[in-house]
Amino acid sequence: MKKISVMAMVCAVVAGAAHADFQPNKPQPTSPMGGFVGGAENVVTVSQVKEMRDDTPVIVQGNIVQRMGDEDYLFEDSTGSITVEIDRKDWRGQTVSPSDTVKLYGEVDSGLFKTEIDVDYVEKM
């Protein structure tokens, strides 16, 4: 009888623990018209980006000050500068000058000797 009671308690504890951790995936409501879907964006600085791991999603705000190659640009904020790679489609038809403030959405591209940002899209402020 003790074995059955112990087994019943173990099953109850395991089932309760498994159920306590279960949280159904509720998709964020979306609208074809757009709108608010979440909290504030976490904008990071260039100096923070240089310390981040490869493929970490980032948002930076500052200025694109110089073209360095076909798709490479020099981006600056108050903490420093970094090379960013922006594909033609990522500009979304916007024209940006060094005096324009932009937000760049992308991910860290960290190599052995150099860290860059691979930009997914540009938002002119």
C-alpha atoms as a PDB file:
ATOM      1  CA  MET A   1       0.000   0.000   0.000  1.00  0.00           C
ATOM      2  CA  LYS A   2       2.894   2.343   0.786  1.00  0.00           C
ATOM      3  CA  LYS A   3       4.346   1.782  -2.704  1.00  0.00           C
ATOM      4  CA  ILE A   4       1.069   2.748  -4.351  1.00  0.00           C
ATOM      5  CA  SER A   5       0.789   5.893  -2.207  1.00  0.00           C
ATOM      6  CA  VAL A   6       4.378   6.890  -2.951  1.00  0.00           C
ATOM      7  CA  MET A   7       3.892   6.282  -6.686  1.00  0.00           C
ATOM      8  CA  ALA A   8       0.681   8.327  -6.655  1.00  0.00           C
ATOM      9  CA  MET A   9       2.452  11.233  -4.941  1.00  0.00           C
ATOM     10  CA  VAL A  10       5.398  11.079  -7.371  1.00  0.00           C
ATOM     11  CA  CYS A  11       3.016  11.071 -10.357  1.00  0.00           C
ATOM     12  CA  ALA A  12       1.092  14.028  -8.902  1.00  0.00           C
ATOM     13  CA  VAL A  13       4.285  16.029  -8.323  1.00  0.00           C
ATOM     14  CA  VAL A  14       5.660  15.289 -11.809  1.00  0.00           C
ATOM     15  CA  ALA A  15       2.340  16.057 -13.509  1.00  0.00           C
ATOM     16  CA  GLY A  16       1.942  19.264 -11.476  1.00  0.00           C
ATOM     17  CA  ALA A  17       5.469  20.436 -12.289  1.00  0.00           C
ATOM     18  CA  ALA A  18       5.020  19.710 -15.983  1.00  0.00           C
ATOM     19  CA  HIS A  19       1.709  21.565 -16.044  1.00  0.00           C
ATOM     20  CA  ALA A  20       3.098  24.556 -14.111  1.00  0.00           C
ATOM     21  CA  ASP A  21       5.736  25.184 -16.769  1.00  0.00           C
ATOM     22  CA  PHE A  22       3.316  24.895 -19.690  1.00  0.00           C
ATOM     23  CA  GLN A  23       2.437  28.205 -21.272  1.00  0.00           C
ATOM     24  CA  PRO A  24       0.567  28.086 -24.557  1.00  0.00           C
ATOM     25  CA  ASN A  25       2.017  30.085 -27.434  1.00  0.00           C
ATOM     26  CA  LYS A  26      -0.270  33.007 -28.004  1.00  0.00           C
ATOM     27  CA  PRO A  27       0.635  34.814 -31.219  1.00  0.00           C
ATOM     28  CA  GLN A  28       0.831  38.581 -31.047  1.00  0.00           C
ATOM     29  CA  PRO A  29      -2.215  40.150 -32.643  1.00  0.00           C
ATOM     30  CA  THR A  30      -1.319  41.540 -36.030  1.00  0.00           C
ATOM     31  CA  SER A  31      -3.150  43.740 -38.415  1.00  0.00           C
ATOM     32  CA  PRO A  32      -2.538  44.211 -42.120  1.00  0.00           C
ATOM     33  CA  MET A  33      -2.737  47.943 -41.402  1.00  0.00           C
ATOM     34  CA  GLY A  34       0.112  47.854 -38.819  1.00  0.00           C
ATOM     35  CA  GLY A  35       0.058  49.372 -35.365  1.00  0.00           C
ATOM     36  CA  PHE A  36       1.451  48.911 -31.892  1.00  0.00           C
ATOM     37  CA  VAL A  37       2.492  45.348 -30.989  1.00  0.00           C
ATOM     38  CA  GLY A  38       4.961  45.514 -28.085  1.00  0.00           C
ATOM     39  CA  GLY A  39       7.125  47.450 -25.691  1.00  0.00           C
ATOM     40  CA  ALA A  40       9.887  49.943 -26.279  1.00  0.00           C
ATOM     41  CA  GLU A  41      12.783  49.121 -28.584  1.00  0.00           C
ATOM     42  CA  ASN A  42      16.121  48.417 -26.977  1.00  0.00           C
ATOM     43  CA  VAL A  43      18.511  50.749 -28.804  1.00  0.00           C
ATOM     44  CA  VAL A  44      22.163  49.960 -28.072  1.00  0.00           C
ATOM     45  CA  THR A  45      25.348  51.947 -28.648  1.00  0.00           C
ATOM     46  CA  VAL A  46      28.252  51.191 -30.974  1.00  0.00           C
ATOM     47  CA  SER A  47      30.498  50.475 -27.985  1.00  0.00           C
ATOM     48  CA  GLN A  48      27.955  47.920 -26.722  1.00  0.00           C
ATOM     49  CA  VAL A  49      27.713  46.297 -30.170  1.00  0.00           C
ATOM     50  CA  LYS A  50      31.476  45.758 -30.219  1.00  0.00           C
ATOM     51  CA  GLU A  51      31.159  43.617 -27.076  1.00  0.00           C
ATOM     52  CA  MET A  52      28.213  41.519 -28.307  1.00  0.00           C
ATOM     53  CA  ARG A  53      28.261  38.004 -29.705  1.00  0.00           C
ATOM     54  CA  ASP A  54      27.889  37.149 -33.393  1.00  0.00           C
ATOM     55  CA  ASP A  55      24.318  37.135 -34.771  1.00  0.00           C
ATOM     56  CA  THR A  56      22.887  39.109 -31.830  1.00  0.00           C
ATOM     57  CA  PRO A  57      19.931  41.257 -33.019  1.00  0.00           C
ATOM     58  CA  VAL A  58      20.607  44.979 -32.509  1.00  0.00           C
ATOM     59  CA  ILE A  59      19.084  48.399 -33.067  1.00  0.00           C
ATOM     60  CA  VAL A  60      21.447  51.376 -33.204  1.00  0.00           C
ATOM     61  CA  GLN A  61      20.686  55.077 -33.661  1.00  0.00           C
ATOM     62  CA  GLY A  62      23.052  57.653 -35.101  1.00  0.00           C
ATOM     63  CA  ASN A  63      24.390  58.801 -38.465  1.00  0.00           C
ATOM     64  CA  ILE A  64      25.762  57.128 -41.569  1.00  0.00           C
ATOM     65  CA  VAL A  65      28.710  59.404 -42.273  1.00  0.00           C
ATOM     66  CA  GLN A  66      30.609  57.791 -45.144  1.00  0.00           C
ATOM     67  CA  ARG A  67      30.336  55.223 -47.917  1.00  0.00           C
ATOM     68  CA  MET A  68      33.222  52.753 -47.714  1.00  0.00           C
ATOM     69  CA  GLY A  69      32.395  50.344 -50.537  1.00  0.00           C
ATOM     70  CA  ASP A  70      29.553  48.917 -52.573  1.00  0.00           C
ATOM     71  CA  GLU A  71      27.377  48.049 -49.568  1.00  0.00           C
ATOM     72  CA  ASP A  72      29.647  49.097 -46.671  1.00  0.00           C
ATOM     73  CA  TYR A  73      29.154  52.348 -44.759  1.00  0.00           C
ATOM     74  CA  LEU A  74      30.647  54.008 -41.681  1.00  0.00           C
ATOM     75  CA  PHE A  75      28.047  54.484 -38.939  1.00  0.00           C
ATOM     76  CA  GLU A  76      28.625  56.729 -35.899  1.00  0.00           C
ATOM     77  CA  ASP A  77      26.900  57.438 -32.632  1.00  0.00           C
ATOM     78  CA  SER A  78      28.130  59.298 -29.546  1.00  0.00           C
ATOM     79  CA  THR A  79      30.203  56.261 -28.406  1.00  0.00           C
ATOM     80  CA  GLY A  80      32.130  55.490 -31.582  1.00  0.00           C
ATOM     81  CA  SER A  81      31.953  54.222 -35.152  1.00  0.00           C
ATOM     82  CA  ILE A  82      31.432  50.857 -36.819  1.00  0.00           C
ATOM     83  CA  THR A  83      31.178  49.481 -40.348  1.00  0.00           C
ATOM     84  CA  VAL A  84      27.657  48.519 -41.402  1.00  0.00           C
ATOM     85  CA  GLU A  85      26.596  46.485 -44.431  1.00  0.00           C
ATOM     86  CA  ILE A  86      23.390  47.725 -46.042  1.00  0.00           C
ATOM     87  CA  ASP A  87      21.993  45.903 -49.083  1.00  0.00           C
ATOM     88  CA  ARG A  88      20.187  47.965 -51.718  1.00  0.00           C
ATOM     89  CA  LYS A  89      16.736  46.626 -50.705  1.00  0.00           C
ATOM     90  CA  ASP A  90      17.324  47.556 -47.047  1.00  0.00           C
ATOM     91  CA  TRP A  91      17.221  51.285 -47.835  1.00  0.00           C
ATOM     92  CA  ARG A  92      13.498  50.950 -48.706  1.00  0.00           C
ATOM     93  CA  GLY A  93      13.714  53.802 -51.195  1.00  0.00           C
ATOM     94  CA  GLN A  94      14.975  56.323 -48.632  1.00  0.00           C
ATOM     95  CA  THR A  95      17.726  58.831 -49.313  1.00  0.00           C
ATOM     96  CA  VAL A  96      19.993  59.479 -46.328  1.00  0.00           C
ATOM     97  CA  SER A  97      22.726  62.097 -45.839  1.00  0.00           C
ATOM     98  CA  PRO A  98      25.369  62.325 -43.078  1.00  0.00           C
ATOM     99  CA  SER A  99      23.234  64.926 -41.273  1.00  0.00           C
ATOM    100  CA  ASP A 100      20.215  62.572 -41.080  1.00  0.00           C
ATOM    101  CA  THR A 101      19.659  60.547 -37.909  1.00  0.00           C
ATOM    102  CA  VAL A 102      18.773  56.919 -38.641  1.00  0.00           C
ATOM    103  CA  LYS A 103      17.895  53.746 -36.789  1.00  0.00           C
ATOM    104  CA  LEU A 104      19.514  50.619 -38.150  1.00  0.00           C
ATOM    105  CA  TYR A 105      17.920  47.253 -37.429  1.00  0.00           C
ATOM    106  CA  GLY A 106      20.181  44.246 -37.935  1.00  0.00           C
ATOM    107  CA  GLU A 107      22.498  41.761 -36.313  1.00  0.00           C
ATOM    108  CA  VAL A 108      26.083  41.700 -35.134  1.00  0.00           C
ATOM    109  CA  ASP A 109      28.576  40.221 -37.607  1.00  0.00           C
ATOM    110  CA  SER A 110      31.566  39.439 -35.419  1.00  0.00           C
ATOM    111  CA  GLY A 111      34.810  38.159 -36.928  1.00  0.00           C
ATOM    112  CA  LEU A 112      38.282  37.504 -35.559  1.00  0.00           C
ATOM    113  CA  PHE A 113      39.581  41.017 -36.134  1.00  0.00           C
ATOM    114  CA  LYS A 114      36.502  43.134 -36.813  1.00  0.00           C
ATOM    115  CA  THR A 115      32.887  43.545 -35.705  1.00  0.00           C
ATOM    116  CA  GLU A 116      30.267  44.940 -38.090  1.00  0.00           C
ATOM    117  CA  ILE A 117      26.497  45.208 -38.279  1.00  0.00           C
ATOM    118  CA  ASP A 118      24.616  43.428 -41.063  1.00  0.00           C
ATOM    119  CA  VAL A 119      21.609  45.732 -41.492  1.00  0.00           C
ATOM    120  CA  ASP A 120      18.138  44.358 -42.200  1.00  0.00           C
ATOM    121  CA  TYR A 121      16.520  47.756 -42.722  1.00  0.00           C
ATOM    122  CA  VAL A 122      17.090  51.481 -42.314  1.00  0.00           C
ATOM    123  CA  GLU A 123      14.635  53.844 -40.640  1.00  0.00           C
ATOM    124  CA  LYS A 124      15.170  57.565 -41.245  1.00  0.00           C
ATOM    125  CA  MET A 125      14.198  59.577 -38.159  1.00  0.00           C
END
